[in-house]
N, C-alpha and C. Protein backbone atom coordinates (compact mmCIF):
# COMPACT_ATOMS: atom_id res chain seq x y z
N MET A 1 -27.48 -16.58 70.44
CA MET A 1 -27.18 -15.41 71.19
C MET A 1 -27.99 -15.49 72.48
N TYR A 2 -27.32 -15.31 73.60
CA TYR A 2 -27.99 -15.32 74.88
C TYR A 2 -28.20 -13.89 75.35
N ALA A 3 -29.37 -13.58 75.81
CA ALA A 3 -29.62 -12.28 76.42
C ALA A 3 -28.98 -12.27 77.80
N GLY A 4 -28.51 -11.12 78.24
CA GLY A 4 -27.84 -11.04 79.54
C GLY A 4 -28.72 -11.49 80.67
N SER A 5 -28.12 -12.22 81.60
CA SER A 5 -28.86 -12.75 82.73
C SER A 5 -27.87 -13.14 83.82
N SER A 6 -28.33 -13.16 85.05
CA SER A 6 -27.47 -13.60 86.14
C SER A 6 -27.42 -15.12 86.23
N THR A 7 -28.30 -15.80 85.48
CA THR A 7 -28.32 -17.25 85.44
C THR A 7 -27.52 -17.74 84.25
N ARG A 8 -26.64 -18.68 84.48
CA ARG A 8 -25.79 -19.20 83.41
C ARG A 8 -26.58 -20.13 82.49
N ALA A 9 -26.51 -19.88 81.19
CA ALA A 9 -27.16 -20.75 80.21
C ALA A 9 -26.35 -22.04 80.08
N THR A 10 -27.03 -23.16 79.97
CA THR A 10 -26.33 -24.43 79.93
C THR A 10 -26.44 -25.15 78.59
N ASP A 11 -27.33 -24.75 77.71
CA ASP A 11 -27.42 -25.39 76.40
C ASP A 11 -28.10 -24.47 75.40
N SER A 12 -28.11 -24.86 74.13
CA SER A 12 -28.65 -24.00 73.09
C SER A 12 -30.16 -23.77 73.22
N ASP A 13 -30.86 -24.63 73.95
CA ASP A 13 -32.30 -24.43 74.14
C ASP A 13 -32.58 -23.17 74.95
N ALA A 14 -31.59 -22.68 75.68
CA ALA A 14 -31.78 -21.48 76.49
C ALA A 14 -31.55 -20.19 75.70
N ALA A 15 -31.10 -20.30 74.46
CA ALA A 15 -30.84 -19.11 73.65
C ALA A 15 -32.12 -18.34 73.38
N SER A 16 -32.05 -17.03 73.46
CA SER A 16 -33.22 -16.21 73.17
C SER A 16 -33.34 -15.89 71.69
N MET A 17 -32.21 -15.98 70.96
CA MET A 17 -32.21 -15.75 69.52
C MET A 17 -31.33 -16.78 68.85
N THR A 18 -31.72 -17.18 67.64
CA THR A 18 -30.94 -18.12 66.84
C THR A 18 -30.77 -17.54 65.44
N PHE A 19 -29.55 -17.57 64.93
CA PHE A 19 -29.25 -17.14 63.57
C PHE A 19 -28.81 -18.38 62.81
N SER A 20 -29.43 -18.64 61.62
CA SER A 20 -29.12 -19.87 60.91
C SER A 20 -29.24 -19.70 59.40
N ASP A 21 -28.79 -20.75 58.71
CA ASP A 21 -28.90 -20.83 57.25
C ASP A 21 -29.66 -22.11 56.94
N SER A 22 -30.97 -22.04 56.93
CA SER A 22 -31.80 -23.24 56.79
C SER A 22 -31.74 -23.84 55.39
N ALA A 23 -31.34 -23.07 54.39
CA ALA A 23 -31.33 -23.57 53.01
C ALA A 23 -30.05 -24.34 52.67
N ASN A 24 -29.04 -24.25 53.50
CA ASN A 24 -27.75 -24.85 53.19
C ASN A 24 -27.42 -25.89 54.25
N SER A 25 -27.59 -27.16 53.91
CA SER A 25 -27.36 -28.21 54.90
C SER A 25 -25.88 -28.43 55.20
N TYR A 26 -25.00 -28.10 54.26
CA TYR A 26 -23.56 -28.23 54.50
C TYR A 26 -22.97 -26.83 54.50
N SER A 27 -22.90 -26.25 55.66
CA SER A 27 -22.49 -24.87 55.76
C SER A 27 -21.61 -24.66 56.97
N TYR A 28 -20.78 -23.66 56.88
CA TYR A 28 -19.98 -23.24 58.02
C TYR A 28 -20.52 -21.91 58.54
N PHE A 29 -21.82 -21.75 58.39
CA PHE A 29 -22.48 -20.54 58.84
C PHE A 29 -22.18 -20.33 60.32
N HIS A 30 -21.76 -19.19 60.69
CA HIS A 30 -21.39 -18.75 62.03
C HIS A 30 -20.00 -19.23 62.44
N TYR A 31 -19.45 -20.24 61.79
CA TYR A 31 -18.17 -20.79 62.21
C TYR A 31 -17.04 -19.80 62.00
N ALA A 32 -17.10 -19.06 60.91
CA ALA A 32 -16.02 -18.15 60.57
C ALA A 32 -15.96 -16.97 61.52
N GLY A 33 -17.08 -16.32 61.75
CA GLY A 33 -17.02 -15.17 62.63
C GLY A 33 -18.34 -14.46 62.76
N THR A 34 -18.46 -13.73 63.82
CA THR A 34 -19.60 -12.87 64.03
C THR A 34 -19.08 -11.57 64.62
N THR A 35 -19.82 -10.52 64.43
CA THR A 35 -19.48 -9.25 65.05
C THR A 35 -20.75 -8.42 65.17
N ALA A 36 -20.70 -7.43 66.00
CA ALA A 36 -21.84 -6.54 66.19
C ALA A 36 -21.37 -5.10 66.08
N GLY A 37 -22.25 -4.24 65.65
CA GLY A 37 -21.98 -2.82 65.54
C GLY A 37 -23.23 -2.13 65.04
N ASP A 38 -23.18 -0.82 64.95
CA ASP A 38 -24.32 -0.06 64.40
C ASP A 38 -23.98 0.32 62.97
N PHE A 39 -24.17 -0.61 62.04
CA PHE A 39 -23.74 -0.44 60.66
C PHE A 39 -24.63 0.50 59.85
N ASN A 40 -25.88 0.65 60.25
CA ASN A 40 -26.77 1.55 59.51
C ASN A 40 -27.00 2.87 60.25
N ALA A 41 -26.28 3.09 61.34
CA ALA A 41 -26.29 4.36 62.08
C ALA A 41 -27.66 4.78 62.57
N ASP A 42 -28.48 3.80 62.99
CA ASP A 42 -29.81 4.14 63.50
C ASP A 42 -29.88 4.10 65.03
N GLY A 43 -28.76 3.80 65.68
CA GLY A 43 -28.72 3.75 67.14
C GLY A 43 -28.95 2.37 67.72
N ASP A 44 -29.31 1.40 66.90
CA ASP A 44 -29.52 0.02 67.36
C ASP A 44 -28.33 -0.85 66.95
N ILE A 45 -28.03 -1.84 67.76
CA ILE A 45 -26.97 -2.78 67.45
C ILE A 45 -27.40 -3.71 66.31
N ASP A 46 -26.52 -3.89 65.34
CA ASP A 46 -26.73 -4.80 64.23
C ASP A 46 -25.78 -5.98 64.41
N PHE A 47 -26.08 -7.09 63.76
CA PHE A 47 -25.33 -8.33 63.97
C PHE A 47 -24.92 -8.90 62.62
N VAL A 48 -23.67 -9.34 62.51
CA VAL A 48 -23.16 -9.93 61.28
C VAL A 48 -22.76 -11.38 61.56
N VAL A 49 -23.18 -12.28 60.69
CA VAL A 49 -22.74 -13.68 60.75
C VAL A 49 -22.15 -14.03 59.39
N THR A 50 -21.23 -14.99 59.38
CA THR A 50 -20.53 -15.32 58.14
C THR A 50 -20.48 -16.82 57.89
N ASP A 51 -20.18 -17.17 56.66
CA ASP A 51 -19.92 -18.55 56.27
C ASP A 51 -18.84 -18.51 55.20
N TYR A 52 -17.63 -18.86 55.57
CA TYR A 52 -16.54 -18.77 54.60
C TYR A 52 -16.60 -19.88 53.56
N TYR A 53 -17.44 -20.88 53.72
CA TYR A 53 -17.63 -21.93 52.72
C TYR A 53 -18.81 -21.64 51.80
N TYR A 54 -19.47 -20.50 51.97
CA TYR A 54 -20.69 -20.19 51.23
C TYR A 54 -20.44 -20.21 49.72
N GLY A 55 -21.38 -20.72 48.98
CA GLY A 55 -21.32 -20.75 47.53
C GLY A 55 -20.73 -22.05 47.01
N ASN A 56 -21.01 -22.34 45.76
CA ASN A 56 -20.52 -23.58 45.16
C ASN A 56 -19.00 -23.66 45.09
N SER A 57 -18.33 -22.53 45.08
CA SER A 57 -16.88 -22.51 44.98
C SER A 57 -16.21 -22.00 46.24
N ASN A 58 -16.92 -22.03 47.34
CA ASN A 58 -16.38 -21.62 48.64
C ASN A 58 -15.80 -20.20 48.62
N TYR A 59 -16.56 -19.27 48.05
CA TYR A 59 -16.07 -17.90 48.02
C TYR A 59 -16.45 -17.10 49.26
N GLY A 60 -17.42 -17.55 50.02
CA GLY A 60 -17.74 -16.93 51.31
C GLY A 60 -18.78 -15.83 51.24
N GLY A 61 -19.43 -15.60 52.38
CA GLY A 61 -20.44 -14.56 52.46
C GLY A 61 -20.63 -14.06 53.87
N ALA A 62 -21.23 -12.88 53.99
CA ALA A 62 -21.55 -12.27 55.28
C ALA A 62 -22.96 -11.70 55.19
N TRP A 63 -23.74 -11.90 56.26
CA TRP A 63 -25.12 -11.43 56.30
C TRP A 63 -25.28 -10.46 57.47
N ILE A 64 -25.93 -9.34 57.19
CA ILE A 64 -26.12 -8.29 58.20
C ILE A 64 -27.59 -8.26 58.59
N PHE A 65 -27.82 -8.39 59.87
CA PHE A 65 -29.16 -8.29 60.45
C PHE A 65 -29.22 -6.99 61.24
N ASN A 66 -30.11 -6.07 60.85
CA ASN A 66 -30.23 -4.79 61.54
C ASN A 66 -31.14 -4.92 62.75
N GLY A 67 -30.69 -4.34 63.87
CA GLY A 67 -31.48 -4.34 65.08
C GLY A 67 -32.55 -3.27 65.03
N PRO A 68 -33.41 -3.20 66.03
CA PRO A 68 -33.37 -3.98 67.28
C PRO A 68 -33.87 -5.40 67.07
N PHE A 69 -33.50 -6.25 68.00
CA PHE A 69 -33.86 -7.66 67.92
C PHE A 69 -34.83 -8.03 69.03
N SER A 70 -35.60 -9.05 68.76
CA SER A 70 -36.45 -9.65 69.79
C SER A 70 -36.20 -11.14 69.75
N ALA A 71 -36.66 -11.84 70.74
CA ALA A 71 -36.46 -13.29 70.81
C ALA A 71 -37.01 -13.95 69.56
N GLY A 72 -36.30 -14.95 69.05
CA GLY A 72 -36.79 -15.66 67.88
C GLY A 72 -35.67 -16.21 67.04
N THR A 73 -36.03 -16.67 65.85
CA THR A 73 -35.09 -17.26 64.92
C THR A 73 -34.94 -16.34 63.71
N TYR A 74 -33.70 -16.13 63.32
CA TYR A 74 -33.37 -15.29 62.16
C TYR A 74 -32.63 -16.16 61.16
N ASP A 75 -33.01 -16.09 59.89
CA ASP A 75 -32.40 -16.89 58.84
C ASP A 75 -31.76 -15.96 57.81
N VAL A 76 -30.73 -16.45 57.10
CA VAL A 76 -30.07 -15.62 56.10
C VAL A 76 -31.05 -15.12 55.04
N SER A 77 -32.12 -15.85 54.81
CA SER A 77 -33.10 -15.42 53.82
C SER A 77 -33.83 -14.15 54.26
N THR A 78 -33.74 -13.81 55.54
CA THR A 78 -34.39 -12.60 56.04
C THR A 78 -33.38 -11.52 56.44
N ALA A 79 -32.10 -11.73 56.10
CA ALA A 79 -31.07 -10.73 56.43
C ALA A 79 -31.38 -9.41 55.73
N ASP A 80 -30.99 -8.31 56.37
CA ASP A 80 -31.24 -6.99 55.79
C ASP A 80 -30.30 -6.70 54.63
N SER A 81 -29.12 -7.26 54.65
CA SER A 81 -28.19 -7.13 53.53
C SER A 81 -27.16 -8.24 53.60
N ASN A 82 -26.49 -8.46 52.48
CA ASN A 82 -25.44 -9.48 52.47
C ASN A 82 -24.30 -9.02 51.57
N LEU A 83 -23.14 -9.57 51.84
CA LEU A 83 -21.94 -9.32 51.05
C LEU A 83 -21.36 -10.67 50.70
N GLU A 84 -20.87 -10.83 49.48
CA GLU A 84 -20.33 -12.11 49.06
C GLU A 84 -18.98 -11.93 48.39
N GLY A 85 -18.10 -12.89 48.63
CA GLY A 85 -16.84 -12.92 47.92
C GLY A 85 -17.07 -13.27 46.46
N THR A 86 -16.05 -13.08 45.64
CA THR A 86 -16.20 -13.35 44.21
C THR A 86 -15.18 -14.34 43.67
N ASP A 87 -14.15 -14.65 44.44
CA ASP A 87 -13.09 -15.52 43.94
C ASP A 87 -13.20 -16.91 44.54
N THR A 88 -13.01 -17.91 43.70
CA THR A 88 -13.10 -19.31 44.11
C THR A 88 -12.09 -19.60 45.22
N TYR A 89 -12.56 -20.26 46.25
CA TYR A 89 -11.75 -20.71 47.38
C TYR A 89 -10.98 -19.59 48.08
N ASP A 90 -11.55 -18.39 48.13
CA ASP A 90 -10.95 -17.29 48.88
C ASP A 90 -11.22 -17.43 50.38
N TYR A 91 -12.26 -18.17 50.72
CA TYR A 91 -12.72 -18.24 52.10
C TYR A 91 -12.93 -16.83 52.64
N TRP A 92 -13.62 -16.04 51.83
CA TRP A 92 -13.95 -14.67 52.15
C TRP A 92 -14.84 -14.65 53.39
N ALA A 93 -14.63 -13.73 54.29
CA ALA A 93 -15.40 -13.58 55.52
C ALA A 93 -15.00 -14.60 56.57
N ARG A 94 -13.79 -15.10 56.50
CA ARG A 94 -13.29 -16.02 57.53
C ARG A 94 -13.18 -15.28 58.87
N ALA A 95 -12.92 -13.99 58.80
CA ALA A 95 -12.86 -13.16 60.00
C ALA A 95 -13.52 -11.82 59.71
N VAL A 96 -14.21 -11.27 60.70
CA VAL A 96 -14.85 -9.97 60.55
C VAL A 96 -14.63 -9.14 61.80
N GLY A 97 -14.72 -7.85 61.65
CA GLY A 97 -14.57 -6.93 62.78
C GLY A 97 -15.34 -5.66 62.51
N ALA A 98 -15.56 -4.88 63.54
CA ALA A 98 -16.34 -3.65 63.39
C ALA A 98 -15.72 -2.52 64.20
N ALA A 99 -15.70 -1.34 63.62
CA ALA A 99 -15.28 -0.10 64.28
C ALA A 99 -15.62 1.05 63.33
N ASP A 100 -15.60 2.25 63.83
CA ASP A 100 -15.85 3.42 62.99
C ASP A 100 -14.51 3.94 62.47
N TRP A 101 -13.96 3.27 61.47
CA TRP A 101 -12.63 3.61 60.97
C TRP A 101 -12.57 4.93 60.24
N ASN A 102 -13.65 5.37 59.61
CA ASN A 102 -13.60 6.63 58.88
C ASN A 102 -14.16 7.81 59.68
N GLY A 103 -14.59 7.57 60.93
CA GLY A 103 -15.00 8.66 61.82
C GLY A 103 -16.31 9.34 61.47
N ASP A 104 -17.20 8.67 60.74
CA ASP A 104 -18.46 9.31 60.34
C ASP A 104 -19.62 9.02 61.30
N GLY A 105 -19.37 8.28 62.38
CA GLY A 105 -20.41 7.98 63.35
C GLY A 105 -21.11 6.66 63.14
N ALA A 106 -20.87 5.99 62.03
CA ALA A 106 -21.45 4.67 61.77
C ALA A 106 -20.33 3.64 61.80
N ASP A 107 -20.60 2.48 62.39
CA ASP A 107 -19.60 1.43 62.40
C ASP A 107 -19.38 0.91 60.98
N ASP A 108 -18.12 0.63 60.68
CA ASP A 108 -17.73 0.06 59.40
C ASP A 108 -17.42 -1.41 59.62
N LEU A 109 -17.50 -2.20 58.56
CA LEU A 109 -17.30 -3.64 58.66
C LEU A 109 -16.01 -4.04 57.95
N ALA A 110 -15.15 -4.74 58.65
CA ALA A 110 -13.92 -5.30 58.07
C ALA A 110 -14.16 -6.78 57.80
N VAL A 111 -13.84 -7.22 56.59
CA VAL A 111 -14.03 -8.61 56.19
C VAL A 111 -12.70 -9.14 55.66
N GLY A 112 -12.22 -10.22 56.26
CA GLY A 112 -10.98 -10.82 55.83
C GLY A 112 -11.21 -11.93 54.82
N ALA A 113 -10.32 -12.01 53.84
CA ALA A 113 -10.34 -13.09 52.85
C ALA A 113 -9.04 -13.88 53.00
N MET A 114 -9.16 -15.06 53.54
CA MET A 114 -8.00 -15.86 53.93
C MET A 114 -6.99 -16.06 52.80
N TYR A 115 -7.45 -16.52 51.64
CA TYR A 115 -6.50 -16.80 50.56
C TYR A 115 -6.37 -15.66 49.56
N ASP A 116 -7.01 -14.55 49.84
CA ASP A 116 -6.84 -13.36 49.04
C ASP A 116 -5.80 -12.45 49.68
N ASP A 117 -5.38 -12.83 50.90
CA ASP A 117 -4.40 -12.04 51.66
C ASP A 117 -4.81 -10.57 51.75
N ALA A 118 -6.09 -10.36 52.09
CA ALA A 118 -6.60 -9.00 52.16
C ALA A 118 -7.69 -8.89 53.21
N VAL A 119 -7.87 -7.66 53.68
CA VAL A 119 -9.00 -7.30 54.53
C VAL A 119 -9.72 -6.16 53.81
N TYR A 120 -11.02 -6.31 53.64
CA TYR A 120 -11.82 -5.31 52.95
C TYR A 120 -12.65 -4.54 53.98
N ILE A 121 -12.68 -3.21 53.85
CA ILE A 121 -13.46 -2.35 54.74
C ILE A 121 -14.67 -1.82 53.98
N PHE A 122 -15.86 -2.05 54.55
CA PHE A 122 -17.11 -1.56 53.99
C PHE A 122 -17.62 -0.45 54.90
N ASN A 123 -17.79 0.75 54.36
CA ASN A 123 -18.25 1.88 55.16
C ASN A 123 -19.69 1.67 55.60
N GLY A 124 -19.93 1.92 56.87
CA GLY A 124 -21.28 1.82 57.42
C GLY A 124 -22.11 3.02 57.04
N GLY A 125 -23.33 3.02 57.52
CA GLY A 125 -24.25 4.10 57.25
C GLY A 125 -25.36 3.67 56.32
N GLY A 126 -25.08 2.76 55.42
CA GLY A 126 -26.09 2.33 54.46
C GLY A 126 -26.30 0.82 54.46
N MET A 127 -25.71 0.12 55.40
CA MET A 127 -25.84 -1.33 55.40
C MET A 127 -27.13 -1.77 56.06
């Protein structure tokens, strides 16, 4: 993630924050999707990263990091919460999105499951 600047970043060394999965050497972490929103309704932006290959059976997962953020490295082991698929080869969390679909003032998280032919909505406020 690059912090806003008038200077164009040219490589990953210029990133002010890095989100990773250090425990999983073969991962599609971040490849599936990322989104931002205020999922815990505290006024700070939260960040979601996914890995649709997560788990021994590729059921997928999503990790929520609650803001505010400062420069540094964030790992899934330090995520504030996580959501995981349950079905083998669903590729759960291949796509994610955020909006306040139920109108309660907290952003909700939409998680797509490619081979489940479904999108799941998780109400914000407690994530």
